[in-house]
Amino acid sequence: MVLSGMSTPEQAQDNTSYMKEFRPLSEEEKALLEQAADVIRRNMAIGCTII
């Protein structure tokens, strides 16, 4: 990952501090995200295929 726009170590620390309490998604959360992605994929038309 690249974090741009920082010019001091303090800015880097501030920008990455949110990861201190990182926890991976649960299986339930992953399943919910996959369901949402499926809905989006089914409802998005690709401009070049619309007649």
PDB file of N, CA and C in Angstrom:
ATOM      1  N   MET A   1       0.854  -1.159   0.000  1.00  0.00           N
ATOM      2  CA  MET A   1       0.000   0.000   0.000  1.00  0.00           C
ATOM      3  C   MET A   1       0.898   1.219   0.000  1.00  0.00           C
ATOM      4  N   VAL A   2       0.431   2.257  -0.678  1.00  0.00           N
ATOM      5  CA  VAL A   2       1.140   3.526  -0.706  1.00  0.00           C
ATOM      6  C   VAL A   2       0.220   4.589  -0.141  1.00  0.00           C
ATOM      7  N   LEU A   3       0.722   5.327   0.821  1.00  0.00           N
ATOM      8  CA  LEU A   3      -0.014   6.458   1.378  1.00  0.00           C
ATOM      9  C   LEU A   3       0.710   7.714   0.928  1.00  0.00           C
ATOM     10  N   SER A   4       0.067   8.474   0.073  1.00  0.00           N
ATOM     11  CA  SER A   4       0.722   9.676  -0.442  1.00  0.00           C
ATOM     12  C   SER A   4       0.268  10.912   0.318  1.00  0.00           C
ATOM     13  N   GLY A   5       0.983  11.983   0.131  1.00  0.00           N
ATOM     14  CA  GLY A   5       0.602  13.256   0.708  1.00  0.00           C
ATOM     15  C   GLY A   5       1.100  13.483   2.121  1.00  0.00           C
ATOM     16  N   MET A   6       2.055  12.674   2.553  1.00  0.00           N
ATOM     17  CA  MET A   6       2.599  12.850   3.903  1.00  0.00           C
ATOM     18  C   MET A   6       4.023  13.375   3.795  1.00  0.00           C
ATOM     19  N   SER A   7       4.366  14.283   4.695  1.00  0.00           N
ATOM     20  CA  SER A   7       5.719  14.835   4.652  1.00  0.00           C
ATOM     21  C   SER A   7       6.454  14.701   5.985  1.00  0.00           C
ATOM     22  N   THR A   8       5.786  14.117   6.987  1.00  0.00           N
ATOM     23  CA  THR A   8       6.457  13.922   8.277  1.00  0.00           C
ATOM     24  C   THR A   8       6.128  12.533   8.828  1.00  0.00           C
ATOM     25  N   PRO A   9       6.979  12.001   9.672  1.00  0.00           N
ATOM     26  CA  PRO A   9       6.671  10.718  10.318  1.00  0.00           C
ATOM     27  C   PRO A   9       5.379  10.785  11.139  1.00  0.00           C
ATOM     28  N   GLU A  10       5.098  11.939  11.699  1.00  0.00           N
ATOM     29  CA  GLU A  10       3.875  12.094  12.497  1.00  0.00           C
ATOM     30  C   GLU A  10       2.627  11.933  11.628  1.00  0.00           C
ATOM     31  N   GLN A  11       2.676  12.463  10.415  1.00  0.00           N
ATOM     32  CA  GLN A  11       1.551  12.302   9.501  1.00  0.00           C
ATOM     33  C   GLN A  11       1.378  10.827   9.121  1.00  0.00           C
ATOM     34  N   ALA A  12       2.469  10.131   8.888  1.00  0.00           N
ATOM     35  CA  ALA A  12       2.402   8.709   8.574  1.00  0.00           C
ATOM     36  C   ALA A  12       1.803   7.937   9.746  1.00  0.00           C
ATOM     37  N   GLN A  13       2.244   8.252  10.954  1.00  0.00           N
ATOM     38  CA  GLN A  13       1.709   7.598  12.150  1.00  0.00           C
ATOM     39  C   GLN A  13       0.213   7.853  12.279  1.00  0.00           C
ATOM     40  N   ASP A  14      -0.211   9.090  12.081  1.00  0.00           N
ATOM     41  CA  ASP A  14      -1.625   9.439  12.174  1.00  0.00           C
ATOM     42  C   ASP A  14      -2.440   8.695  11.116  1.00  0.00           C
ATOM     43  N   ASN A  15      -1.913   8.621   9.896  1.00  0.00           N
ATOM     44  CA  ASN A  15      -2.652   7.971   8.808  1.00  0.00           C
ATOM     45  C   ASN A  15      -2.753   6.455   8.960  1.00  0.00           C
ATOM     46  N   THR A  16      -1.844   5.846   9.702  1.00  0.00           N
ATOM     47  CA  THR A  16      -1.883   4.395   9.871  1.00  0.00           C
ATOM     48  C   THR A  16      -2.403   3.958  11.236  1.00  0.00           C
ATOM     49  N   SER A  17      -2.675   4.887  12.121  1.00  0.00           N
ATOM     50  CA  SER A  17      -3.077   4.545  13.484  1.00  0.00           C
ATOM     51  C   SER A  17      -4.417   3.807  13.557  1.00  0.00           C
ATOM     52  N   TYR A  18      -5.256   3.972  12.543  1.00  0.00           N
ATOM     53  CA  TYR A  18      -6.558   3.285  12.564  1.00  0.00           C
ATOM     54  C   TYR A  18      -6.406   1.769  12.539  1.00  0.00           C
ATOM     55  N   MET A  19      -5.256   1.267  12.138  1.00  0.00           N
ATOM     56  CA  MET A  19      -5.045  -0.178  12.052  1.00  0.00           C
ATOM     57  C   MET A  19      -4.693  -0.813  13.398  1.00  0.00           C
ATOM     58  N   LYS A  20      -4.545  -0.021  14.438  1.00  0.00           N
ATOM     59  CA  LYS A  20      -4.172  -0.569  15.743  1.00  0.00           C
ATOM     60  C   LYS A  20      -5.188  -1.582  16.251  1.00  0.00           C
ATOM     61  N   GLU A  21      -6.450  -1.365  15.941  1.00  0.00           N
ATOM     62  CA  GLU A  21      -7.507  -2.261  16.412  1.00  0.00           C
ATOM     63  C   GLU A  21      -8.089  -3.092  15.270  1.00  0.00           C
ATOM     64  N   PHE A  22      -7.270  -3.366  14.254  1.00  0.00           N
ATOM     65  CA  PHE A  22      -7.719  -4.135  13.096  1.00  0.00           C
ATOM     66  C   PHE A  22      -8.209  -5.510  13.511  1.00  0.00           C
ATOM     67  N   ARG A  23      -9.320  -5.927  12.932  1.00  0.00           N
ATOM     68  CA  ARG A  23      -9.790  -7.304  13.071  1.00  0.00           C
ATOM     69  C   ARG A  23     -10.349  -7.720  11.727  1.00  0.00           C
ATOM     70  N   PRO A  24     -10.016  -8.914  11.278  1.00  0.00           N
ATOM     71  CA  PRO A  24     -10.521  -9.389   9.989  1.00  0.00           C
ATOM     72  C   PRO A  24     -12.049  -9.499  10.007  1.00  0.00           C
ATOM     73  N   LEU A  25     -12.638  -9.479   8.822  1.00  0.00           N
ATOM     74  CA  LEU A  25     -14.081  -9.665   8.728  1.00  0.00           C
ATOM     75  C   LEU A  25     -14.449 -11.069   9.184  1.00  0.00           C
ATOM     76  N   SER A  26     -15.610 -11.169   9.811  1.00  0.00           N
ATOM     77  CA  SER A  26     -16.118 -12.489  10.188  1.00  0.00           C
ATOM     78  C   SER A  26     -16.663 -13.172   8.934  1.00  0.00           C
ATOM     79  N   GLU A  27     -16.908 -14.457   9.033  1.00  0.00           N
ATOM     80  CA  GLU A  27     -17.486 -15.189   7.893  1.00  0.00           C
ATOM     81  C   GLU A  27     -18.854 -14.612   7.526  1.00  0.00           C
ATOM     82  N   GLU A  28     -19.614 -14.197   8.521  1.00  0.00           N
ATOM     83  CA  GLU A  28     -20.927 -13.590   8.270  1.00  0.00           C
ATOM     84  C   GLU A  28     -20.782 -12.269   7.512  1.00  0.00           C
ATOM     85  N   GLU A  29     -19.815 -11.453   7.904  1.00  0.00           N
ATOM     86  CA  GLU A  29     -19.585 -10.180   7.223  1.00  0.00           C
ATOM     87  C   GLU A  29     -19.110 -10.405   5.788  1.00  0.00           C
ATOM     88  N   LYS A  30     -18.230 -11.382   5.596  1.00  0.00           N
ATOM     89  CA  LYS A  30     -17.758 -11.713   4.247  1.00  0.00           C
ATOM     90  C   LYS A  30     -18.925 -12.150   3.361  1.00  0.00           C
ATOM     91  N   ALA A  31     -19.802 -12.983   3.896  1.00  0.00           N
ATOM     92  CA  ALA A  31     -20.954 -13.460   3.129  1.00  0.00           C
ATOM     93  C   ALA A  31     -21.871 -12.305   2.754  1.00  0.00           C
ATOM     94  N   LEU A  32     -22.088 -11.385   3.679  1.00  0.00           N
ATOM     95  CA  LEU A  32     -22.936 -10.230   3.397  1.00  0.00           C
ATOM     96  C   LEU A  32     -22.330  -9.357   2.297  1.00  0.00           C
ATOM     97  N   LEU A  33     -21.027  -9.132   2.344  1.00  0.00           N
ATOM     98  CA  LEU A  33     -20.365  -8.352   1.307  1.00  0.00           C
ATOM     99  C   LEU A  33     -20.449  -9.040  -0.046  1.00  0.00           C
ATOM    100  N   GLU A  34     -20.315 -10.354  -0.061  1.00  0.00           N
ATOM    101  CA  GLU A  34     -20.416 -11.105  -1.311  1.00  0.00           C
ATOM    102  C   GLU A  34     -21.824 -11.004  -1.883  1.00  0.00           C
ATOM    103  N   GLN A  35     -22.837 -11.061  -1.031  1.00  0.00           N
ATOM    104  CA  GLN A  35     -24.218 -10.898  -1.493  1.00  0.00           C
ATOM    105  C   GLN A  35     -24.419  -9.512  -2.090  1.00  0.00           C
ATOM    106  N   ALA A  36     -23.901  -8.494  -1.451  1.00  0.00           N
ATOM    107  CA  ALA A  36     -24.028  -7.128  -1.959  1.00  0.00           C
ATOM    108  C   ALA A  36     -23.316  -6.996  -3.308  1.00  0.00           C
ATOM    109  N   ALA A  37     -22.130  -7.577  -3.427  1.00  0.00           N
ATOM    110  CA  ALA A  37     -21.393  -7.527  -4.691  1.00  0.00           C
ATOM    111  C   ALA A  37     -22.169  -8.232  -5.793  1.00  0.00           C
ATOM    112  N   ASP A  38     -22.810  -9.356  -5.490  1.00  0.00           N
ATOM    113  CA  ASP A  38     -23.611 -10.073  -6.481  1.00  0.00           C
ATOM    114  C   ASP A  38     -24.770  -9.214  -6.972  1.00  0.00           C
ATOM    115  N   VAL A  39     -25.439  -8.517  -6.061  1.00  0.00           N
ATOM    116  CA  VAL A  39     -26.545  -7.629  -6.441  1.00  0.00           C
ATOM    117  C   VAL A  39     -26.027  -6.536  -7.372  1.00  0.00           C
ATOM    118  N   ILE A  40     -24.915  -5.941  -7.023  1.00  0.00           N
ATOM    119  CA  ILE A  40     -24.347  -4.878  -7.858  1.00  0.00           C
ATOM    120  C   ILE A  40     -23.977  -5.421  -9.228  1.00  0.00           C
ATOM    121  N   ARG A  41     -23.319  -6.567  -9.270  1.00  0.00           N
ATOM    122  CA  ARG A  41     -22.917  -7.144 -10.557  1.00  0.00           C
ATOM    123  C   ARG A  41     -24.121  -7.457 -11.432  1.00  0.00           C
ATOM    124  N   ARG A  42     -25.198  -7.971 -10.841  1.00  0.00           N
ATOM    125  CA  ARG A  42     -26.389  -8.321 -11.619  1.00  0.00           C
ATOM    126  C   ARG A  42     -27.116  -7.091 -12.148  1.00  0.00           C
ATOM    127  N   ASN A  43     -26.982  -5.969 -11.488  1.00  0.00           N
ATOM    128  CA  ASN A  43     -27.749  -4.779 -11.863  1.00  0.00           C
ATOM    129  C   ASN A  43     -26.943  -3.717 -12.600  1.00  0.00           C
ATOM    130  N   MET A  44     -25.689  -3.982 -12.873  1.00  0.00           N
ATOM    131  CA  MET A  44     -24.887  -3.013 -13.600  1.00  0.00           C
ATOM    132  C   MET A  44     -24.838  -3.402 -15.072  1.00  0.00           C
ATOM    133  N   ALA A  45     -25.239  -2.481 -15.910  1.00  0.00           N
ATOM    134  CA  ALA A  45     -25.146  -2.714 -17.342  1.00  0.00           C
ATOM    135  C   ALA A  45     -23.820  -2.156 -17.840  1.00  0.00           C
ATOM    136  N   ILE A  46     -23.250  -2.849 -18.793  1.00  0.00           N
ATOM    137  CA  ILE A  46     -22.025  -2.373 -19.413  1.00  0.00           C
ATOM    138  C   ILE A  46     -22.424  -1.545 -20.627  1.00  0.00           C
ATOM    139  N   GLY A  47     -22.012  -0.285 -20.662  1.00  0.00           N
ATOM    140  CA  GLY A  47     -22.433   0.661 -21.677  1.00  0.00           C
ATOM    141  C   GLY A  47     -22.315   0.166 -23.116  1.00  0.00           C
ATOM    142  N   CYS A  48     -21.292  -0.592 -23.422  1.00  0.00           N
ATOM    143  CA  CYS A  48     -21.105  -1.016 -24.796  1.00  0.00           C
ATOM    144  C   CYS A  48     -22.048  -2.153 -25.206  1.00  0.00           C
ATOM    145  N   THR A  49     -22.774  -2.719 -24.250  1.00  0.00           N
ATOM    146  CA  THR A  49     -23.676  -3.828 -24.595  1.00  0.00           C
ATOM    147  C   THR A  49     -25.141  -3.431 -24.597  1.00  0.00           C
ATOM    148  N   ILE A  50     -25.433  -2.178 -24.271  1.00  0.00           N
ATOM    149  CA  ILE A  50     -26.821  -1.722 -24.231  1.00  0.00           C
ATOM    150  C   ILE A  50     -27.285  -1.400 -25.643  1.00  0.00           C
ATOM    151  N   ILE A  51     -28.424  -1.941 -25.983  1.00  0.00           N
ATOM    152  CA  ILE A  51     -28.988  -1.710 -27.327  1.00  0.00           C
ATOM    153  C   ILE A  51     -30.043  -0.633 -27.253  1.00  0.00           C
TER     154      ILE A  51
END
